[in-house]
C-alpha cells in the first residue's frame, strides 16, 4: 500500500515563509512526478507546482518567483518552499504523486496525501 504524508503547514503572517514536505512510502517501483495542489474554501483544487523525476518543474502563475519545488528521489520526497506568503495562499495543500506501485502488471497511478493546512494572516 502506498501512502503520501505531508508536513510543514501552519499559521504564518503575510510576508512570512513556510516549507512543506511530503514523503511517499510503501511498495513503490518508480515515481514519475510529484507535486503540490491546494484547495481554498469554496474553490476547486488547483495546481501549485510539479516536478518530474528528471527535475523539470512547472509552476502556477501565482507561485512563480515566490515558491520553489524540489525533490529528493532517494527519499521519495518532495518539498515546497513558500516565501513572501500572501493571505490568498490560505488553503489546504495536497501532495500528489504519479507513481508505479510494485504490483504485477501495474501502471502509473495517481496518489494523494491527506492535506496540510496553510493559513496566512494579514
N, C-alpha and C. Protein backbone atom coordinates (compact mmCIF):
# COMPACT_ATOMS: atom_id res chain seq x y z
N UNK A 1 0.86 -1.19 0.00
CA UNK A 1 0.00 0.00 0.00
C UNK A 1 0.89 1.24 0.00
N UNK A 2 0.51 2.23 -0.78
CA UNK A 2 1.29 3.45 -0.91
C UNK A 2 0.64 4.56 -0.10
N UNK A 3 1.46 5.33 0.59
CA UNK A 3 0.96 6.47 1.36
C UNK A 3 1.80 7.71 1.07
N UNK A 4 1.15 8.87 1.05
CA UNK A 4 1.82 10.15 0.98
C UNK A 4 1.51 10.89 2.27
N UNK A 5 2.54 11.34 2.96
CA UNK A 5 2.35 12.03 4.23
C UNK A 5 2.98 13.41 4.14
N UNK A 6 2.14 14.43 4.34
CA UNK A 6 2.61 15.81 4.29
C UNK A 6 2.92 16.33 5.69
N UNK A 7 3.77 17.34 5.74
CA UNK A 7 4.05 18.05 6.99
C UNK A 7 4.51 19.46 6.65
N UNK A 8 4.48 20.32 7.66
CA UNK A 8 5.03 21.66 7.48
C UNK A 8 4.03 22.78 7.37
N UNK A 9 2.75 22.46 7.34
CA UNK A 9 1.76 23.53 7.28
C UNK A 9 1.67 24.27 8.61
N UNK A 10 0.87 25.34 8.61
CA UNK A 10 0.71 26.09 9.84
C UNK A 10 0.20 27.49 9.59
N UNK A 11 0.30 28.30 10.63
CA UNK A 11 -0.14 29.69 10.57
C UNK A 11 1.07 30.60 10.46
N UNK A 12 1.01 31.53 9.51
CA UNK A 12 2.12 32.45 9.31
C UNK A 12 1.57 33.81 8.93
N UNK A 13 2.28 34.85 9.28
CA UNK A 13 1.86 36.20 8.90
C UNK A 13 2.22 36.47 7.44
N UNK A 14 1.48 37.37 6.84
CA UNK A 14 1.78 37.77 5.46
C UNK A 14 3.23 38.23 5.37
N UNK A 15 3.89 37.78 4.30
CA UNK A 15 5.30 38.07 4.12
C UNK A 15 6.22 37.00 4.68
N UNK A 16 5.67 36.09 5.44
CA UNK A 16 6.47 35.03 6.04
C UNK A 16 6.70 33.86 5.09
N UNK A 17 7.34 32.82 5.63
CA UNK A 17 7.70 31.66 4.83
C UNK A 17 7.27 30.37 5.52
N UNK A 18 7.02 29.36 4.72
CA UNK A 18 6.77 28.01 5.19
C UNK A 18 7.40 27.03 4.22
N UNK A 19 7.76 25.86 4.74
CA UNK A 19 8.30 24.79 3.90
C UNK A 19 7.47 23.55 4.12
N UNK A 20 6.84 23.09 3.06
CA UNK A 20 6.04 21.87 3.11
C UNK A 20 6.91 20.69 2.67
N UNK A 21 6.67 19.55 3.31
CA UNK A 21 7.36 18.32 2.96
C UNK A 21 6.34 17.22 2.73
N UNK A 22 6.69 16.29 1.86
CA UNK A 22 5.83 15.14 1.58
C UNK A 22 6.73 13.95 1.28
N UNK A 23 6.44 12.84 1.94
CA UNK A 23 7.20 11.62 1.71
C UNK A 23 6.25 10.52 1.27
N UNK A 24 6.62 9.85 0.21
CA UNK A 24 5.86 8.70 -0.28
C UNK A 24 6.49 7.43 0.27
N UNK A 25 5.64 6.55 0.79
CA UNK A 25 6.14 5.30 1.35
C UNK A 25 5.29 4.14 0.87
N UNK A 26 5.84 2.94 1.01
CA UNK A 26 5.12 1.75 0.59
C UNK A 26 5.85 1.04 -0.53
N UNK A 27 5.13 0.16 -1.20
CA UNK A 27 5.72 -0.65 -2.26
C UNK A 27 5.68 0.14 -3.57
N UNK A 28 6.75 0.88 -3.80
CA UNK A 28 6.84 1.79 -4.93
C UNK A 28 7.93 1.34 -5.89
N UNK A 29 7.57 1.15 -7.13
CA UNK A 29 8.57 0.77 -8.14
C UNK A 29 9.29 2.01 -8.67
N UNK A 30 8.52 3.03 -8.99
CA UNK A 30 9.12 4.26 -9.50
C UNK A 30 8.12 5.40 -9.35
N UNK A 31 8.65 6.61 -9.26
CA UNK A 31 7.81 7.80 -9.17
C UNK A 31 8.07 8.66 -10.39
N UNK A 32 7.04 8.92 -11.16
CA UNK A 32 7.17 9.70 -12.39
C UNK A 32 7.24 11.19 -12.10
N UNK A 33 6.34 11.64 -11.24
CA UNK A 33 6.27 13.07 -10.93
C UNK A 33 5.63 13.25 -9.57
N UNK A 34 5.98 14.35 -8.92
CA UNK A 34 5.37 14.72 -7.65
C UNK A 34 5.00 16.20 -7.71
N UNK A 35 4.10 16.59 -6.85
CA UNK A 35 3.72 17.99 -6.90
C UNK A 35 2.82 18.38 -5.74
N UNK A 36 2.44 19.65 -5.80
CA UNK A 36 1.58 20.22 -4.77
C UNK A 36 0.39 20.89 -5.43
N UNK A 37 -0.76 20.67 -4.84
CA UNK A 37 -2.00 21.32 -5.23
C UNK A 37 -2.60 21.94 -3.97
N UNK A 38 -3.52 22.87 -4.15
CA UNK A 38 -4.16 23.47 -2.99
C UNK A 38 -5.64 23.70 -3.27
N UNK A 39 -6.40 23.73 -2.16
CA UNK A 39 -7.83 23.97 -2.27
C UNK A 39 -8.25 24.93 -1.17
N UNK A 40 -8.70 26.10 -1.59
CA UNK A 40 -9.21 27.10 -0.65
C UNK A 40 -10.70 26.86 -0.43
N UNK A 41 -11.24 27.34 0.67
CA UNK A 41 -12.68 27.14 0.95
C UNK A 41 -13.54 27.66 -0.19
N UNK A 42 -14.46 26.82 -0.66
CA UNK A 42 -15.37 27.22 -1.70
C UNK A 42 -14.78 27.23 -3.10
N UNK A 43 -13.55 26.78 -3.24
CA UNK A 43 -12.89 26.78 -4.55
C UNK A 43 -12.46 25.38 -4.94
N UNK A 44 -12.18 25.22 -6.23
CA UNK A 44 -11.70 23.93 -6.71
C UNK A 44 -10.21 23.76 -6.39
N UNK A 45 -9.79 22.52 -6.35
CA UNK A 45 -8.38 22.22 -6.15
C UNK A 45 -7.61 22.71 -7.37
N UNK A 46 -6.46 23.35 -7.12
CA UNK A 46 -5.68 23.90 -8.21
C UNK A 46 -4.21 23.53 -8.07
N UNK A 47 -3.55 23.52 -9.21
CA UNK A 47 -2.12 23.22 -9.25
C UNK A 47 -1.33 24.35 -8.60
N UNK A 48 -0.30 23.97 -7.83
CA UNK A 48 0.66 24.95 -7.33
C UNK A 48 1.99 24.75 -8.06
N UNK A 49 2.52 23.53 -8.01
CA UNK A 49 3.80 23.25 -8.67
C UNK A 49 3.98 21.76 -8.80
N UNK A 50 4.68 21.35 -9.86
CA UNK A 50 5.01 19.95 -10.05
C UNK A 50 6.48 19.81 -10.43
N UNK A 51 7.01 18.60 -10.22
CA UNK A 51 8.40 18.32 -10.58
C UNK A 51 8.49 16.87 -11.03
N UNK A 52 9.18 16.63 -12.14
CA UNK A 52 9.33 15.26 -12.64
C UNK A 52 10.54 14.59 -12.00
N UNK A 53 10.69 13.30 -12.28
CA UNK A 53 11.84 12.58 -11.75
C UNK A 53 13.15 13.14 -12.30
N UNK A 54 13.08 13.76 -13.47
CA UNK A 54 14.27 14.36 -14.06
C UNK A 54 14.55 15.77 -13.61
N UNK A 55 13.63 16.33 -12.81
CA UNK A 55 13.85 17.66 -12.27
C UNK A 55 13.15 18.78 -13.00
N UNK A 56 12.38 18.48 -14.02
CA UNK A 56 11.64 19.53 -14.72
C UNK A 56 10.50 20.03 -13.83
N UNK A 57 10.35 21.34 -13.76
CA UNK A 57 9.35 21.92 -12.88
C UNK A 57 8.31 22.71 -13.66
N UNK A 58 7.15 22.84 -13.03
CA UNK A 58 6.06 23.62 -13.60
C UNK A 58 5.37 24.32 -12.44
N UNK A 59 5.11 25.62 -12.60
CA UNK A 59 4.51 26.41 -11.53
C UNK A 59 3.24 27.11 -12.01
N UNK A 60 2.28 27.25 -11.11
CA UNK A 60 1.16 28.12 -11.38
C UNK A 60 1.67 29.56 -11.39
N UNK A 61 1.00 30.42 -12.13
CA UNK A 61 1.44 31.81 -12.21
C UNK A 61 1.53 32.45 -10.82
N UNK A 62 0.62 32.07 -9.93
CA UNK A 62 0.58 32.65 -8.59
C UNK A 62 1.78 32.23 -7.74
N UNK A 63 2.45 31.15 -8.15
CA UNK A 63 3.58 30.62 -7.38
C UNK A 63 4.94 31.04 -7.94
N UNK A 64 4.96 31.47 -9.16
CA UNK A 64 6.24 31.81 -9.80
C UNK A 64 6.93 32.96 -9.08
N UNK A 65 8.21 32.75 -8.82
CA UNK A 65 9.01 33.78 -8.18
C UNK A 65 9.01 33.76 -6.67
N UNK A 66 8.02 33.10 -6.06
CA UNK A 66 7.95 33.07 -4.60
C UNK A 66 7.99 31.67 -4.03
N UNK A 67 7.55 30.67 -4.80
CA UNK A 67 7.55 29.29 -4.35
C UNK A 67 8.62 28.51 -5.12
N UNK A 68 9.25 27.54 -4.44
CA UNK A 68 10.22 26.68 -5.09
C UNK A 68 9.92 25.24 -4.74
N UNK A 69 9.76 24.41 -5.75
CA UNK A 69 9.55 22.99 -5.53
C UNK A 69 10.87 22.26 -5.74
N UNK A 70 11.13 21.26 -4.91
CA UNK A 70 12.33 20.45 -5.04
C UNK A 70 12.00 19.02 -4.67
N UNK A 71 12.93 18.14 -4.96
CA UNK A 71 12.64 16.72 -4.80
C UNK A 71 13.90 15.98 -4.39
N UNK A 72 13.74 14.98 -3.55
CA UNK A 72 14.82 14.07 -3.19
C UNK A 72 14.39 12.68 -3.62
N UNK A 73 14.88 12.25 -4.77
CA UNK A 73 14.45 10.96 -5.32
C UNK A 73 14.82 9.79 -4.41
N UNK A 74 15.94 9.89 -3.73
CA UNK A 74 16.38 8.80 -2.85
C UNK A 74 15.44 8.61 -1.67
N UNK A 75 14.79 9.69 -1.26
CA UNK A 75 13.87 9.63 -0.11
C UNK A 75 12.41 9.58 -0.54
N UNK A 76 12.15 9.59 -1.85
CA UNK A 76 10.77 9.66 -2.35
C UNK A 76 10.05 10.86 -1.74
N UNK A 77 10.74 11.98 -1.70
CA UNK A 77 10.20 13.17 -1.04
C UNK A 77 10.13 14.35 -1.99
N UNK A 78 9.17 15.21 -1.71
CA UNK A 78 9.04 16.46 -2.45
C UNK A 78 8.82 17.58 -1.43
N UNK A 79 9.35 18.75 -1.76
CA UNK A 79 9.28 19.88 -0.85
C UNK A 79 8.74 21.11 -1.58
N UNK A 80 8.11 21.99 -0.82
CA UNK A 80 7.65 23.25 -1.39
C UNK A 80 8.05 24.37 -0.44
N UNK A 81 9.01 25.17 -0.87
CA UNK A 81 9.42 26.34 -0.11
C UNK A 81 8.58 27.52 -0.55
N UNK A 82 7.86 28.10 0.38
CA UNK A 82 6.95 29.20 0.07
C UNK A 82 7.43 30.45 0.79
N UNK A 83 7.79 31.46 0.03
CA UNK A 83 8.28 32.72 0.59
C UNK A 83 7.33 33.85 0.27
N UNK A 84 7.44 34.90 1.06
CA UNK A 84 6.61 36.09 0.86
C UNK A 84 5.13 35.70 0.69
N UNK A 85 4.65 34.94 1.64
CA UNK A 85 3.29 34.43 1.54
C UNK A 85 2.25 35.54 1.65
N UNK A 86 1.18 35.36 0.92
CA UNK A 86 0.07 36.30 0.91
C UNK A 86 -1.18 35.64 1.47
N UNK A 87 -2.11 36.41 2.01
CA UNK A 87 -3.33 35.80 2.57
C UNK A 87 -4.09 34.92 1.58
N UNK A 88 -4.02 35.25 0.30
CA UNK A 88 -4.73 34.43 -0.69
C UNK A 88 -4.11 33.05 -0.88
N UNK A 89 -2.97 32.79 -0.27
CA UNK A 89 -2.37 31.46 -0.31
C UNK A 89 -2.99 30.53 0.73
N UNK A 90 -3.86 31.06 1.57
CA UNK A 90 -4.51 30.23 2.59
C UNK A 90 -5.33 29.14 1.92
N UNK A 91 -5.03 27.89 2.29
CA UNK A 91 -5.69 26.74 1.66
C UNK A 91 -5.19 25.47 2.33
N UNK A 92 -5.83 24.37 1.98
CA UNK A 92 -5.28 23.06 2.31
C UNK A 92 -4.39 22.65 1.14
N UNK A 93 -3.17 22.30 1.44
CA UNK A 93 -2.19 21.93 0.42
C UNK A 93 -2.07 20.40 0.39
N UNK A 94 -2.20 19.86 -0.80
CA UNK A 94 -2.18 18.42 -1.00
C UNK A 94 -0.95 18.01 -1.80
N UNK A 95 -0.31 16.97 -1.34
CA UNK A 95 0.80 16.38 -2.08
C UNK A 95 0.23 15.37 -3.08
N UNK A 96 0.81 15.35 -4.26
CA UNK A 96 0.39 14.42 -5.31
C UNK A 96 1.62 13.69 -5.86
N UNK A 97 1.42 12.43 -6.18
CA UNK A 97 2.48 11.66 -6.84
C UNK A 97 1.87 10.79 -7.92
N UNK A 98 2.51 10.78 -9.05
CA UNK A 98 2.14 9.83 -10.11
C UNK A 98 3.24 8.76 -10.11
N UNK A 99 2.89 7.59 -9.67
CA UNK A 99 3.90 6.57 -9.46
C UNK A 99 3.41 5.19 -9.89
N UNK A 100 4.37 4.29 -10.00
CA UNK A 100 4.07 2.91 -10.34
C UNK A 100 4.28 2.07 -9.09
N UNK A 101 3.22 1.51 -8.53
CA UNK A 101 3.39 0.66 -7.35
C UNK A 101 3.94 -0.71 -7.75
N UNK A 102 4.50 -1.40 -6.76
CA UNK A 102 5.03 -2.75 -7.01
C UNK A 102 3.87 -3.73 -6.95
N UNK A 103 3.16 -3.81 -8.01
CA UNK A 103 2.04 -4.74 -8.18
C UNK A 103 2.14 -5.31 -9.58
N UNK A 104 1.95 -6.60 -9.72
CA UNK A 104 2.09 -7.24 -11.02
C UNK A 104 1.24 -6.53 -12.07
N UNK A 105 1.86 -6.18 -13.16
CA UNK A 105 1.19 -5.54 -14.30
C UNK A 105 0.60 -4.17 -13.95
N UNK A 106 1.12 -3.50 -12.93
CA UNK A 106 0.57 -2.19 -12.59
C UNK A 106 1.11 -1.13 -13.54
N UNK A 107 0.39 -0.04 -13.62
CA UNK A 107 0.81 1.10 -14.42
C UNK A 107 0.83 2.34 -13.53
N UNK A 108 1.25 3.47 -14.11
CA UNK A 108 1.33 4.70 -13.33
C UNK A 108 -0.04 5.09 -12.80
N UNK A 109 -0.07 5.42 -11.53
CA UNK A 109 -1.33 5.72 -10.82
C UNK A 109 -1.14 6.99 -10.01
N UNK A 110 -2.22 7.74 -9.85
CA UNK A 110 -2.18 8.97 -9.06
C UNK A 110 -2.51 8.68 -7.60
N UNK A 111 -1.69 9.26 -6.71
CA UNK A 111 -1.91 9.15 -5.27
C UNK A 111 -1.92 10.55 -4.66
N UNK A 112 -2.70 10.69 -3.58
CA UNK A 112 -2.82 11.99 -2.91
C UNK A 112 -2.58 11.83 -1.41
N UNK A 113 -2.00 12.87 -0.83
CA UNK A 113 -1.89 12.91 0.62
C UNK A 113 -3.18 13.42 1.24
N UNK A 114 -3.21 13.47 2.57
CA UNK A 114 -4.40 13.89 3.29
C UNK A 114 -4.55 15.41 3.32
N UNK A 115 -3.48 16.12 3.06
CA UNK A 115 -3.54 17.58 3.05
C UNK A 115 -2.99 18.19 4.33
N UNK A 116 -2.42 19.38 4.19
CA UNK A 116 -1.94 20.12 5.34
C UNK A 116 -2.41 21.57 5.21
N UNK A 117 -2.91 22.12 6.30
CA UNK A 117 -3.49 23.46 6.27
C UNK A 117 -2.40 24.52 6.31
N UNK A 118 -2.51 25.48 5.42
CA UNK A 118 -1.65 26.66 5.43
C UNK A 118 -2.56 27.88 5.59
N UNK A 119 -2.31 28.66 6.62
CA UNK A 119 -3.10 29.85 6.87
C UNK A 119 -2.17 31.06 6.94
N UNK A 120 -2.46 32.05 6.12
CA UNK A 120 -1.64 33.27 6.08
C UNK A 120 -2.50 34.43 6.58
N UNK A 121 -2.09 35.02 7.68
CA UNK A 121 -2.86 36.13 8.26
C UNK A 121 -2.35 37.46 7.73
N UNK A 122 -3.27 38.39 7.59
CA UNK A 122 -2.89 39.71 7.06
C UNK A 122 -2.50 40.68 8.15
